[in-house]
N, C-alpha and C. Protein backbone atom coordinates (compact mmCIF):
# COMPACT_ATOMS: atom_id res chain seq x y z
N MET A 1 -8.03 13.42 19.43
CA MET A 1 -7.06 12.64 19.54
C MET A 1 -8.01 11.31 18.12
N ILE A 2 -9.05 11.33 18.42
CA ILE A 2 -9.91 10.36 17.14
C ILE A 2 -9.84 11.44 15.83
N LEU A 3 -10.01 12.44 16.09
CA LEU A 3 -9.83 13.35 14.85
C LEU A 3 -8.91 13.52 14.39
N PHE A 4 -7.36 13.65 14.89
CA PHE A 4 -6.05 13.38 14.81
C PHE A 4 -6.15 12.54 13.66
N LYS A 5 -6.06 11.40 14.42
CA LYS A 5 -5.84 9.30 13.64
C LYS A 5 -6.86 9.90 12.34
N PHE A 6 -8.02 10.08 12.23
CA PHE A 6 -8.91 10.06 11.27
C PHE A 6 -7.91 10.84 10.35
N LEU A 7 -7.56 12.27 10.66
CA LEU A 7 -6.75 13.11 9.15
C LEU A 7 -5.61 12.72 9.26
N ASN A 8 -4.57 11.96 9.96
CA ASN A 8 -3.68 11.45 9.86
C ASN A 8 -3.59 10.03 8.57
N LYS A 9 -4.75 9.12 8.59
CA LYS A 9 -5.14 8.54 8.04
C LYS A 9 -5.12 8.82 6.55
N ILE A 10 -6.08 9.79 6.82
CA ILE A 10 -6.66 10.95 5.04
C ILE A 10 -4.77 10.86 4.64
N LEU A 11 -4.05 11.76 5.37
CA LEU A 11 -2.93 12.03 4.72
C LEU A 11 -2.21 10.79 4.35
N TYR A 12 -2.29 9.84 5.06
CA TYR A 12 -1.38 9.07 4.42
C TYR A 12 -1.71 8.03 3.41
N ASN A 13 -3.33 8.17 3.03
CA ASN A 13 -3.62 7.20 2.00
C ASN A 13 -3.54 8.45 0.38
N ILE A 14 -3.57 9.60 1.01
CA ILE A 14 -2.73 10.58 -0.27
C ILE A 14 -2.13 10.52 -0.34
N TYR A 15 -0.50 10.12 0.50
CA TYR A 15 0.46 9.72 0.11
C TYR A 15 1.16 8.90 -0.85
N LYS A 16 0.23 7.69 -0.29
CA LYS A 16 0.15 6.65 -0.93
C LYS A 16 -0.03 6.58 -2.44
N ALA A 17 -1.27 6.94 -2.03
CA ALA A 17 -1.85 7.07 -3.60
C ALA A 17 -0.74 7.98 -4.92
N SER A 18 -0.52 8.81 -4.39
CA SER A 18 0.48 10.36 -5.18
C SER A 18 1.15 9.36 -5.47
N GLY A 19 2.23 8.62 -4.56
CA GLY A 19 3.30 7.62 -4.80
C GLY A 19 3.55 6.63 -6.01
N LYS A 20 2.17 6.00 -5.73
CA LYS A 20 2.22 5.00 -6.38
C LYS A 20 1.67 5.54 -7.94
N LEU A 21 1.31 6.33 -8.09
CA LEU A 21 0.49 7.22 -9.37
C LEU A 21 1.92 7.45 -9.87
N LYS A 22 2.55 8.15 -8.97
CA LYS A 22 4.28 8.50 -9.75
C LYS A 22 4.87 7.25 -10.66
N CYS A 23 4.92 6.62 -9.34
CA CYS A 23 5.74 5.26 -10.39
C CYS A 23 4.91 4.54 -11.49
N ILE A 24 3.71 4.92 -11.58
CA ILE A 24 2.92 4.05 -12.55
C ILE A 24 3.21 5.08 -14.17
N LEU A 25 3.36 6.69 -13.97
CA LEU A 25 3.19 7.50 -14.64
C LEU A 25 4.71 7.17 -15.59
N TYR A 26 5.46 6.99 -14.66
CA TYR A 26 7.03 6.34 -15.02
C TYR A 26 7.51 5.09 -15.66
N LYS A 27 5.99 4.51 -15.48
CA LYS A 27 6.43 2.96 -16.03
C LYS A 27 7.26 2.12 -15.13
N VAL A 28 7.33 2.36 -14.11
CA VAL A 28 8.27 1.56 -13.32
C VAL A 28 7.14 0.25 -12.77
N SER A 29 7.46 -0.96 -12.79
CA SER A 29 6.85 -1.96 -12.70
C SER A 29 6.83 -2.87 -10.89
N LEU A 30 5.42 -2.66 -10.67
CA LEU A 30 5.31 -2.84 -9.53
C LEU A 30 4.52 -3.78 -9.34
N GLY A 31 5.34 -4.85 -8.25
CA GLY A 31 4.64 -5.92 -7.80
C GLY A 31 3.30 -6.07 -7.44
N GLU A 32 2.41 -7.08 -6.39
CA GLU A 32 1.11 -6.92 -5.33
C GLU A 32 1.61 -5.99 -4.22
N ASN A 33 0.54 -5.28 -4.21
CA ASN A 33 0.87 -4.70 -2.46
C ASN A 33 1.85 -3.55 -2.62
N VAL A 34 2.30 -2.85 -3.43
CA VAL A 34 4.09 -1.80 -3.25
C VAL A 34 3.39 -1.17 -2.63
N SER A 35 3.75 -0.39 -1.41
CA SER A 35 3.35 0.56 -1.02
C SER A 35 4.52 1.85 -1.34
N VAL A 36 4.27 2.69 -1.73
CA VAL A 36 5.17 4.06 -2.04
C VAL A 36 4.62 4.82 -1.28
N ILE A 37 5.43 5.55 -0.43
CA ILE A 37 4.65 6.82 0.63
C ILE A 37 5.55 8.10 0.28
N GLY A 38 4.64 9.02 -0.17
CA GLY A 38 5.09 10.52 -1.05
C GLY A 38 5.77 9.92 -2.22
N ASN A 39 6.03 10.90 -2.90
CA ASN A 39 6.81 10.88 -4.18
C ASN A 39 8.52 10.77 -3.95
N PRO A 40 8.53 9.83 -5.07
CA PRO A 40 10.16 9.44 -4.94
C PRO A 40 10.83 9.95 -6.28
N ILE A 41 11.84 10.55 -6.42
CA ILE A 41 12.27 11.13 -7.76
C ILE A 41 12.66 9.66 -8.45
N ILE A 42 12.29 10.12 -9.54
CA ILE A 42 12.86 9.26 -10.65
C ILE A 42 12.90 9.69 -11.69
N SER A 43 14.15 8.86 -12.23
CA SER A 43 14.82 9.42 -13.42
C SER A 43 15.29 7.75 -14.56
N ARG A 44 14.77 8.11 -15.87
CA ARG A 44 15.44 6.74 -16.52
C ARG A 44 15.59 6.73 -17.57
N SER A 45 17.27 5.84 -18.05
CA SER A 45 17.61 6.23 -19.11
C SER A 45 16.66 5.01 -20.26
N GLU A 46 17.10 5.35 -21.34
CA GLU A 46 16.43 4.75 -22.43
C GLU A 46 16.46 2.64 -22.49
N ASN A 47 15.73 1.94 -22.34
CA ASN A 47 15.83 0.80 -22.46
C ASN A 47 16.06 0.29 -21.20
N ASP A 48 15.68 0.46 -20.14
CA ASP A 48 16.43 0.33 -18.93
C ASP A 48 15.40 -0.51 -18.26
N VAL A 49 15.12 -0.79 -16.92
CA VAL A 49 14.27 -1.67 -16.15
C VAL A 49 14.66 -1.17 -14.52
N ILE A 50 13.04 -0.59 -14.31
CA ILE A 50 13.00 -0.45 -12.95
C ILE A 50 12.12 -1.56 -12.36
N LYS A 51 11.97 -1.91 -11.18
CA LYS A 51 11.28 -3.18 -11.07
C LYS A 51 10.93 -3.29 -9.62
N ILE A 52 10.06 -3.24 -8.85
CA ILE A 52 9.53 -3.45 -7.29
C ILE A 52 8.90 -4.54 -7.42
N GLY A 53 9.38 -5.23 -6.14
CA GLY A 53 8.69 -6.83 -6.00
C GLY A 53 7.44 -6.49 -5.00
N SER A 54 6.76 -7.56 -4.84
CA SER A 54 5.04 -7.20 -3.84
C SER A 54 5.77 -7.14 -2.80
N ASP A 55 4.54 -6.62 -2.42
CA ASP A 55 4.73 -6.25 -0.49
C ASP A 55 5.80 -5.29 -0.63
N SER A 56 6.77 -4.86 -0.93
CA SER A 56 7.85 -4.13 -0.31
C SER A 56 7.15 -2.41 -0.49
N SER A 57 8.13 -1.73 0.24
CA SER A 57 7.83 -0.23 1.08
C SER A 57 8.70 0.80 0.24
N LEU A 58 8.35 1.85 -0.49
CA LEU A 58 9.06 2.86 -0.40
C LEU A 58 8.79 3.80 0.33
N ILE A 59 9.51 4.71 1.73
CA ILE A 59 9.05 5.87 2.23
C ILE A 59 10.02 6.87 1.92
N SER A 60 9.26 7.91 1.54
CA SER A 60 9.60 9.26 1.36
C SER A 60 9.03 10.49 2.01
N LYS A 61 8.51 10.33 3.09
CA LYS A 61 8.15 10.91 3.79
C LYS A 61 8.35 10.49 5.73
N SER A 62 9.10 11.87 6.44
CA SER A 62 9.85 11.33 7.37
C SER A 62 8.39 10.98 8.61
N ARG A 63 7.61 11.28 8.58
CA ARG A 63 6.34 10.95 9.40
C ARG A 63 6.11 9.45 9.72
N TYR A 64 6.59 8.71 8.10
CA TYR A 64 6.43 7.55 8.25
C TYR A 64 7.10 6.40 8.46
N THR A 65 8.23 7.12 9.12
CA THR A 65 9.42 5.64 9.44
C THR A 65 10.10 6.58 10.53
N ALA A 66 10.56 5.43 11.22
CA ALA A 66 10.94 5.83 12.76
C ALA A 66 12.02 7.72 12.83
N LEU A 67 13.04 7.41 12.07
CA LEU A 67 14.15 8.08 11.72
C LEU A 67 13.88 9.21 11.69
N GLY A 68 13.33 9.12 10.30
CA GLY A 68 12.69 10.43 9.07
C GLY A 68 13.50 10.22 8.19
N VAL A 69 13.27 10.61 7.33
CA VAL A 69 14.25 10.85 6.02
C VAL A 69 14.72 12.06 5.78
N ASN A 70 16.06 12.20 5.15
CA ASN A 70 16.53 13.22 4.87
C ASN A 70 16.06 13.82 3.46
N LYS A 71 15.74 13.16 2.38
CA LYS A 71 15.26 13.30 0.97
C LYS A 71 14.13 12.32 0.78
N PRO A 72 13.75 12.62 -0.28
CA PRO A 72 12.99 10.84 -1.19
C PRO A 72 13.59 10.02 -1.24
N VAL A 73 13.06 9.05 -1.41
CA VAL A 73 13.74 7.82 -2.75
C VAL A 73 14.36 8.25 -3.67
N ILE A 74 15.13 7.85 -4.08
CA ILE A 74 15.19 8.53 -5.88
C ILE A 74 15.93 7.27 -6.49
N LEU A 75 14.92 6.91 -7.23
CA LEU A 75 15.62 5.33 -8.57
C LEU A 75 15.75 6.36 -9.59
N ARG A 76 17.05 5.76 -10.12
CA ARG A 76 18.26 6.56 -11.36
C ARG A 76 18.30 5.72 -12.00
N THR A 77 18.47 5.51 -13.53
CA THR A 77 18.88 5.06 -14.56
C THR A 77 20.07 5.82 -15.41
N LEU A 78 21.02 5.64 -15.43
CA LEU A 78 22.10 6.27 -15.83
C LEU A 78 22.37 6.55 -17.67
N TYR A 79 22.06 5.30 -17.61
CA TYR A 79 22.64 4.93 -19.08
C TYR A 79 21.52 3.96 -19.83
N PRO A 80 21.36 3.96 -21.29
CA PRO A 80 20.61 2.63 -21.29
C PRO A 80 20.87 1.01 -21.26
N ASN A 81 19.70 0.61 -21.22
CA ASN A 81 19.80 -0.93 -20.36
C ASN A 81 20.35 -0.91 -18.96
N SER A 82 20.46 -0.08 -17.94
CA SER A 82 20.86 -0.26 -16.76
C SER A 82 19.48 -0.47 -15.87
N LYS A 83 19.70 -1.38 -15.30
CA LYS A 83 18.61 -1.58 -14.23
C LYS A 83 18.93 -1.63 -12.78
N ILE A 84 17.47 -1.72 -12.13
CA ILE A 84 17.10 -1.58 -10.95
C ILE A 84 15.94 -2.23 -10.41
N ILE A 85 16.35 -3.30 -9.79
CA ILE A 85 15.43 -4.49 -9.39
C ILE A 85 15.73 -4.42 -7.71
N ILE A 86 14.44 -4.55 -6.76
CA ILE A 86 14.22 -4.46 -5.82
C ILE A 86 13.59 -5.88 -5.40
N GLY A 87 13.65 -6.75 -4.61
CA GLY A 87 13.09 -7.49 -4.28
C GLY A 87 11.46 -7.58 -3.79
N LYS A 88 11.12 -9.31 -3.10
CA LYS A 88 9.92 -8.80 -2.84
C LYS A 88 10.13 -9.01 -1.22
N ASP A 89 9.12 -7.81 -0.23
CA ASP A 89 8.89 -7.60 0.87
C ASP A 89 10.26 -7.22 1.27
N CYS A 90 10.40 -6.16 0.99
CA CYS A 90 11.81 -5.05 1.18
C CYS A 90 11.38 -3.41 1.86
N GLY A 91 12.04 -2.77 2.32
CA GLY A 91 11.31 -1.43 2.73
C GLY A 91 12.78 -0.76 2.62
N LEU A 92 12.20 0.56 1.86
CA LEU A 92 13.66 1.86 1.65
C LEU A 92 13.23 2.77 2.56
N SER A 93 13.99 3.47 3.14
CA SER A 93 13.66 5.07 3.66
C SER A 93 14.43 6.06 3.02
N GLY A 94 13.60 6.55 2.04
CA GLY A 94 14.51 7.59 1.87
C GLY A 94 16.18 7.50 1.03
N THR A 95 15.82 6.34 0.37
CA THR A 95 17.23 5.75 0.05
C THR A 95 17.17 6.28 -1.51
N ILE A 96 18.82 6.06 -1.79
CA ILE A 96 19.03 6.15 -3.40
C ILE A 96 19.76 5.22 -3.99
N LEU A 97 19.46 5.19 -5.13
CA LEU A 97 19.29 4.05 -5.97
C LEU A 97 19.98 4.28 -7.38
N CYS A 98 21.45 4.47 -7.41
CA CYS A 98 21.67 4.79 -8.76
C CYS A 98 22.29 4.22 -10.00
N ALA A 99 21.81 3.59 -10.98
CA ALA A 99 22.14 2.43 -11.55
C ALA A 99 23.18 3.01 -13.18
N ALA A 100 24.08 2.45 -13.43
CA ALA A 100 24.84 2.86 -14.72
C ALA A 100 24.55 1.30 -15.27
N GLU A 101 24.81 0.54 -14.17
CA GLU A 101 24.60 -0.65 -15.01
C GLU A 101 23.45 -1.57 -14.43
N GLY A 102 23.93 -1.98 -12.94
CA GLY A 102 22.61 -2.38 -12.38
C GLY A 102 22.93 -2.67 -11.03
N ILE A 103 21.74 -2.63 -10.15
CA ILE A 103 21.58 -2.54 -8.98
C ILE A 103 20.41 -3.58 -8.65
N GLU A 104 20.59 -4.39 -7.78
CA GLU A 104 19.53 -5.71 -7.66
C GLU A 104 19.99 -6.21 -6.04
N ILE A 105 18.39 -5.68 -5.57
CA ILE A 105 18.10 -6.34 -3.89
C ILE A 105 17.65 -7.57 -3.93
N GLY A 106 17.59 -8.45 -2.90
CA GLY A 106 17.00 -9.49 -2.84
C GLY A 106 15.57 -9.25 -2.42
N ASN A 107 14.94 -10.56 -1.19
CA ASN A 107 13.70 -10.41 -0.88
C ASN A 107 13.86 -10.37 0.16
N ASP A 108 12.86 -9.34 1.11
CA ASP A 108 12.82 -9.60 2.44
C ASP A 108 14.03 -8.53 3.21
N CYS A 109 14.55 -7.57 2.45
CA CYS A 109 15.95 -6.29 2.57
C CYS A 109 15.17 -5.44 3.27
N LEU A 110 16.16 -4.85 4.44
CA LEU A 110 15.65 -3.79 5.39
C LEU A 110 16.77 -2.50 5.38
N ILE A 111 16.46 -1.59 4.17
CA ILE A 111 17.38 -0.76 3.57
C ILE A 111 17.21 0.79 4.63
N GLY A 112 18.31 0.96 5.48
CA GLY A 112 17.79 2.12 6.15
C GLY A 112 17.61 3.56 5.81
N ALA A 113 17.09 4.26 6.79
CA ALA A 113 17.07 5.44 6.18
C ALA A 113 18.55 6.26 5.58
N ASP A 114 18.40 6.94 4.57
CA ASP A 114 19.15 8.01 3.94
C ASP A 114 20.49 7.01 3.37
N VAL A 115 20.49 5.95 2.86
CA VAL A 115 21.52 4.54 2.17
C VAL A 115 21.30 5.36 0.70
N ILE A 116 22.62 4.86 0.12
CA ILE A 116 22.97 5.67 -1.03
C ILE A 116 23.89 4.41 -1.92
N ILE A 117 23.17 3.70 -2.91
CA ILE A 117 23.10 2.76 -3.02
C ILE A 117 23.58 3.13 -4.87
N SER A 118 25.01 2.87 -5.05
CA SER A 118 25.35 3.36 -6.56
C SER A 118 26.61 2.13 -7.27
N ASP A 119 26.35 2.34 -8.57
CA ASP A 119 27.36 1.56 -9.04
C ASP A 119 28.23 2.03 -10.32
N THR A 120 28.55 3.18 -9.83
CA THR A 120 29.28 4.21 -10.67
C THR A 120 30.21 5.07 -9.48
N ASP A 121 31.37 5.57 -10.55
CA ASP A 121 32.00 6.59 -9.66
C ASP A 121 31.66 7.86 -10.30
N PHE A 122 30.53 7.69 -11.35
CA PHE A 122 30.23 9.39 -11.71
C PHE A 122 30.44 10.19 -12.72
N HIS A 123 32.27 10.21 -11.86
CA HIS A 123 33.33 11.05 -12.86
C HIS A 123 34.55 10.18 -13.13
N SER A 124 35.42 10.30 -14.11
CA SER A 124 36.21 9.59 -14.65
C SER A 124 37.19 10.02 -13.59
N ILE A 125 38.10 8.90 -12.93
CA ILE A 125 39.13 9.07 -11.80
C ILE A 125 40.37 10.27 -12.79
N ALA A 126 40.50 9.96 -13.91
CA ALA A 126 41.63 10.06 -14.55
C ALA A 126 41.31 11.95 -15.11
N PRO A 127 42.52 13.03 -14.47
CA PRO A 127 42.29 14.11 -13.73
C PRO A 127 42.48 14.98 -15.07
N GLU A 128 42.14 14.92 -16.26
CA GLU A 128 41.81 15.32 -17.23
C GLU A 128 40.54 15.59 -17.87
N ASN A 129 39.77 16.65 -18.01
CA ASN A 129 38.18 17.01 -17.96
C ASN A 129 37.33 15.86 -17.41
N ARG A 130 37.81 16.20 -15.87
CA ARG A 130 36.74 15.10 -15.35
C ARG A 130 35.78 15.83 -14.90
N ARG A 131 35.28 16.89 -14.66
CA ARG A 131 33.88 17.45 -14.22
C ARG A 131 33.47 17.22 -15.58
N TYR A 132 33.50 17.01 -17.15
CA TYR A 132 32.81 17.13 -17.75
C TYR A 132 32.46 16.04 -18.88
N GLU A 133 33.87 14.86 -18.29
CA GLU A 133 33.19 13.59 -19.04
C GLU A 133 32.44 12.97 -18.97
N LYS A 134 31.37 12.55 -19.63
CA LYS A 134 29.55 11.73 -19.63
C LYS A 134 30.06 10.79 -20.40
N ARG A 135 31.15 9.93 -21.00
CA ARG A 135 31.37 8.77 -21.69
C ARG A 135 30.98 7.99 -20.58
N LYS A 136 30.47 7.08 -20.93
CA LYS A 136 30.37 5.56 -19.82
C LYS A 136 31.30 5.07 -19.89
N GLU A 137 32.63 4.75 -20.92
CA GLU A 137 33.25 4.17 -21.48
C GLU A 137 34.77 4.52 -20.43
N LYS A 138 34.72 6.12 -20.40
CA LYS A 138 35.66 6.45 -19.34
C LYS A 138 35.45 6.84 -17.93
N ILE A 139 34.13 6.13 -17.34
CA ILE A 139 34.06 6.17 -15.87
C ILE A 139 33.95 5.04 -15.48
N ASN A 140 34.43 4.15 -14.30
CA ASN A 140 34.48 3.13 -13.51
C ASN A 140 33.03 3.03 -13.10
N HIS A 141 32.48 1.65 -13.73
CA HIS A 141 31.12 1.17 -13.43
C HIS A 141 31.50 -0.49 -13.34
N GLY A 142 30.16 -0.85 -11.93
CA GLY A 142 30.48 -1.88 -11.26
C GLY A 142 28.99 -2.34 -10.71
N LYS A 143 28.50 -3.78 -10.91
CA LYS A 143 27.37 -4.37 -10.47
C LYS A 143 27.04 -4.26 -9.42
N VAL A 144 26.51 -3.84 -8.40
CA VAL A 144 25.65 -3.82 -6.54
C VAL A 144 24.81 -5.23 -6.96
N LYS A 145 24.75 -6.46 -5.77
CA LYS A 145 24.24 -7.19 -5.68
C LYS A 145 24.20 -7.35 -4.35
N ILE A 146 22.54 -7.36 -4.05
CA ILE A 146 22.44 -7.15 -2.21
C ILE A 146 21.98 -8.74 -2.23
N GLY A 147 22.12 -9.23 -1.02
CA GLY A 147 21.39 -11.10 -1.32
C GLY A 147 20.27 -11.08 -0.25
N ASN A 148 19.21 -11.54 -0.09
CA ASN A 148 18.39 -11.99 0.82
C ASN A 148 18.74 -11.79 2.10
N ASN A 149 17.66 -10.72 2.66
CA ASN A 149 17.45 -10.79 4.28
C ASN A 149 18.60 -9.95 4.50
N VAL A 150 19.21 -8.88 4.01
CA VAL A 150 20.15 -8.33 4.49
C VAL A 150 19.74 -6.68 5.38
N PHE A 151 20.40 -6.30 6.27
CA PHE A 151 19.69 -5.09 6.55
C PHE A 151 21.29 -4.24 6.71
N ILE A 152 20.73 -2.84 6.03
CA ILE A 152 21.47 -2.39 5.66
C ILE A 152 21.25 -0.47 6.61
N GLY A 153 22.34 -0.44 7.70
CA GLY A 153 22.13 0.45 8.89
C GLY A 153 21.96 1.99 7.89
N THR A 154 21.70 2.91 8.65
CA THR A 154 21.26 3.93 8.12
C THR A 154 22.11 4.77 7.79
N LYS A 155 22.44 5.42 6.52
CA LYS A 155 23.57 6.67 6.01
C LYS A 155 24.78 5.82 5.40
N SER A 156 24.73 4.45 5.47
CA SER A 156 25.34 3.65 4.76
C SER A 156 25.61 4.19 3.39
N VAL A 157 26.69 4.09 2.64
CA VAL A 157 26.97 4.08 1.66
C VAL A 157 27.28 2.67 0.49
N VAL A 158 26.63 1.83 -0.23
CA VAL A 158 27.40 0.77 -0.83
C VAL A 158 27.45 1.70 -2.00
N MET A 159 29.00 0.59 -2.59
CA MET A 159 29.90 1.35 -3.78
C MET A 159 29.80 0.36 -5.21
N LYS A 160 29.91 0.69 -5.87
CA LYS A 160 30.73 -0.39 -7.29
C LYS A 160 30.81 -1.73 -6.74
N ASN A 161 30.37 -2.70 -8.45
CA ASN A 161 31.68 -4.03 -8.08
C ASN A 161 31.20 -4.47 -6.39
N VAL A 162 30.13 -4.19 -5.68
CA VAL A 162 29.86 -4.45 -4.47
C VAL A 162 28.79 -6.10 -4.53
N GLU A 163 29.00 -6.95 -3.88
CA GLU A 163 27.61 -7.89 -3.38
C GLU A 163 28.02 -8.20 -2.26
N ILE A 164 26.63 -8.13 -0.93
CA ILE A 164 26.57 -8.49 -0.01
C ILE A 164 25.43 -10.00 0.35
N GLY A 165 26.23 -10.65 0.97
CA GLY A 165 25.32 -11.71 0.97
C GLY A 165 24.64 -11.95 1.48
N ASP A 166 23.60 -13.05 1.49
CA ASP A 166 22.69 -13.12 2.40
C ASP A 166 22.54 -13.18 3.80
N ASN A 167 21.45 -12.44 4.35
CA ASN A 167 21.05 -12.43 6.04
C ASN A 167 22.23 -11.45 6.33
N SER A 168 23.13 -10.18 6.00
CA SER A 168 23.97 -9.97 6.32
C SER A 168 23.54 -8.58 7.13
N VAL A 169 24.24 -8.04 8.25
CA VAL A 169 24.22 -6.19 8.67
C VAL A 169 25.14 -5.63 8.24
N ILE A 170 24.65 -4.55 7.52
CA ILE A 170 25.76 -3.42 7.48
C ILE A 170 25.83 -2.22 8.65
N GLY A 171 26.24 -1.79 9.37
CA GLY A 171 26.14 -1.07 10.38
C GLY A 171 26.25 -0.05 9.95
N ALA A 172 25.68 0.83 10.73
CA ALA A 172 25.20 2.39 10.21
C ALA A 172 26.43 3.07 9.99
N GLY A 173 26.07 3.83 8.75
CA GLY A 173 27.40 4.71 8.74
C GLY A 173 28.67 4.61 7.54
N SER A 174 28.63 2.97 7.30
CA SER A 174 29.50 2.63 6.82
C SER A 174 29.45 2.74 5.54
N VAL A 175 30.80 2.27 5.16
CA VAL A 175 31.04 2.85 3.60
C VAL A 175 31.28 1.67 2.70
N VAL A 176 30.89 0.72 2.05
CA VAL A 176 30.96 -0.63 1.58
C VAL A 176 31.77 -0.37 0.58
N THR A 177 33.29 -0.47 0.54
CA THR A 177 34.06 -0.54 -1.07
C THR A 177 34.24 -1.88 -1.57
N LYS A 178 33.87 -2.37 -0.97
CA LYS A 178 34.61 -4.39 -1.30
C LYS A 178 33.08 -5.62 -0.52
N SER A 179 33.08 -6.34 -1.46
CA SER A 179 32.03 -7.47 -1.09
C SER A 179 32.16 -7.94 0.00
N ILE A 180 30.79 -8.58 0.78
CA ILE A 180 30.55 -8.91 2.20
C ILE A 180 30.04 -10.18 2.06
N PRO A 181 30.61 -11.31 2.93
CA PRO A 181 30.26 -12.61 2.69
C PRO A 181 28.91 -12.67 3.21
N ALA A 182 27.98 -13.64 2.99
CA ALA A 182 26.45 -13.81 3.91
C ALA A 182 27.46 -13.99 5.30
N ASN A 183 25.72 -13.92 6.20
CA ASN A 183 25.76 -14.00 7.56
C ASN A 183 27.10 -13.91 8.61
N VAL A 184 27.46 -12.37 8.41
CA VAL A 184 28.36 -11.69 9.28
C VAL A 184 27.89 -9.95 9.42
N ILE A 185 28.35 -9.60 10.26
CA ILE A 185 28.13 -7.88 10.82
C ILE A 185 29.47 -7.42 10.13
N ALA A 186 28.93 -6.90 9.08
CA ALA A 186 30.10 -5.90 8.97
C ALA A 186 29.85 -4.22 9.04
N ALA A 187 30.80 -3.34 9.28
CA ALA A 187 31.06 -1.94 9.79
C ALA A 187 32.04 -1.66 9.74
N GLY A 188 31.86 0.11 9.54
CA GLY A 188 33.26 0.78 9.31
C GLY A 188 33.59 1.35 8.20
N ASN A 189 34.35 2.15 7.99
CA ASN A 189 34.97 3.18 6.44
C ASN A 189 36.52 2.66 6.29
N PRO A 190 36.68 1.99 5.68
CA PRO A 190 35.81 1.32 4.71
C PRO A 190 35.42 0.05 5.50
N ALA A 191 34.59 -0.82 5.10
CA ALA A 191 33.17 -1.72 6.03
C ALA A 191 34.17 -2.54 6.21
N VAL A 192 34.55 -3.52 7.35
CA VAL A 192 35.33 -5.08 7.36
C VAL A 192 34.28 -5.41 7.87
N VAL A 193 34.43 -7.01 8.47
CA VAL A 193 33.96 -8.34 8.75
C VAL A 193 33.97 -7.96 9.98
N ILE A 194 33.46 -7.90 11.11
CA ILE A 194 33.27 -7.75 12.45
C ILE A 194 33.02 -9.01 13.21
N LYS A 195 32.16 -9.41 12.89
CA LYS A 195 31.50 -10.64 13.49
C LYS A 195 30.53 -11.76 12.67
N SER A 196 30.61 -12.78 13.20
CA SER A 196 29.69 -14.04 12.23
C SER A 196 28.35 -13.73 12.97
N LEU A 197 27.19 -14.44 12.06
CA LEU A 197 25.97 -14.48 12.69
C LEU A 197 25.74 -16.18 12.79
N LEU A 198 26.86 -16.56 12.47
CA LEU A 198 26.70 -18.08 12.91
C LEU A 198 26.57 -18.73 14.33
N LYS A 199 26.42 -17.93 15.16
CA LYS A 199 26.36 -18.28 16.89
C LYS A 199 24.93 -17.95 17.11
N LYS A 200 25.02 -18.54 18.61
CA LYS A 200 23.92 -18.49 19.03
C LYS A 200 23.19 -16.75 19.64
N GLU A 201 22.06 -16.32 19.63
CA GLU A 201 21.75 -15.06 19.57
C GLU A 201 22.38 -14.24 20.94
N LYS A 202 22.33 -15.13 21.75
CA LYS A 202 22.57 -14.39 23.30
C LYS A 202 24.09 -13.77 23.24
N GLU A 203 25.24 -14.26 21.59
CA GLU A 203 26.14 -14.27 21.57
C GLU A 203 26.49 -12.71 20.72
N TYR A 204 25.68 -12.21 19.90
CA TYR A 204 25.49 -11.51 19.30
C TYR A 204 26.06 -10.04 19.88
N ASP A 205 27.00 -9.41 19.02
CA ASP A 205 27.30 -7.69 19.63
C ASP A 205 26.42 -7.31 18.64
N LEU A 206 25.59 -6.20 19.14
CA LEU A 206 24.92 -5.73 17.63
C LEU A 206 24.67 -4.22 18.00
N ASP A 207 25.52 -3.91 19.01
CA ASP A 207 25.56 -2.43 19.23
C ASP A 207 26.38 -1.62 18.17
N LEU A 208 25.53 -1.50 17.18
CA LEU A 208 26.06 -0.74 15.91
C LEU A 208 25.44 0.24 15.25
N HIS A 209 24.02 0.35 16.42
CA HIS A 209 22.92 1.13 15.47
C HIS A 209 22.54 1.11 14.36
N THR A 210 22.11 0.17 13.99
CA THR A 210 22.32 -0.51 12.95
C THR A 210 20.34 -0.33 11.90
N SER A 211 20.37 0.80 12.72
CA SER A 211 18.90 1.10 12.56
C SER A 211 17.57 1.72 11.39
N ILE A 212 16.96 1.51 11.01
CA ILE A 212 16.86 1.59 9.77
C ILE A 212 15.54 3.23 9.89
């Protein structure tokens, strides 16, 4: 058991070092004490910004997060001048962040396993040449902004033109197509507000499986 713990610690440190090195090689701006466990997939456009705040953690290895992950963290900017900003003390596990314009995550957020956050439709909704149309002006985009202390449950999808207010919780497997106010629980496809958090804790109904 002692040997196993020792070897696991060595493996953890290797994953941590390799993940952080990859971020450095791709010129991701890292705050102090950022942990990058495993190798994220990073794809960048010209004059973009990818910034991760101090004390945040990005996990791409299943053994280091309770639910495990189906894929590594993906950080991808699609067009010049697009931005991905992650605040301080956030935890992301197997999360996809794909920005055509901008994705901003506040401080102290929990982003559950295999969550997808994207600010674009990727393809035109017009039927003509939909598969091959790549021009930005032909595709719908809209910035995503997630407030402070937000908890997004596993396998949720957050789509373009969405803001999620401070302290709110998004139930597992939700599809968020419209903005969600602060201090609420929202869930479903499409996600809707189902309860306020401005009540005593004993009144909360948290049986939403909002696991990270």
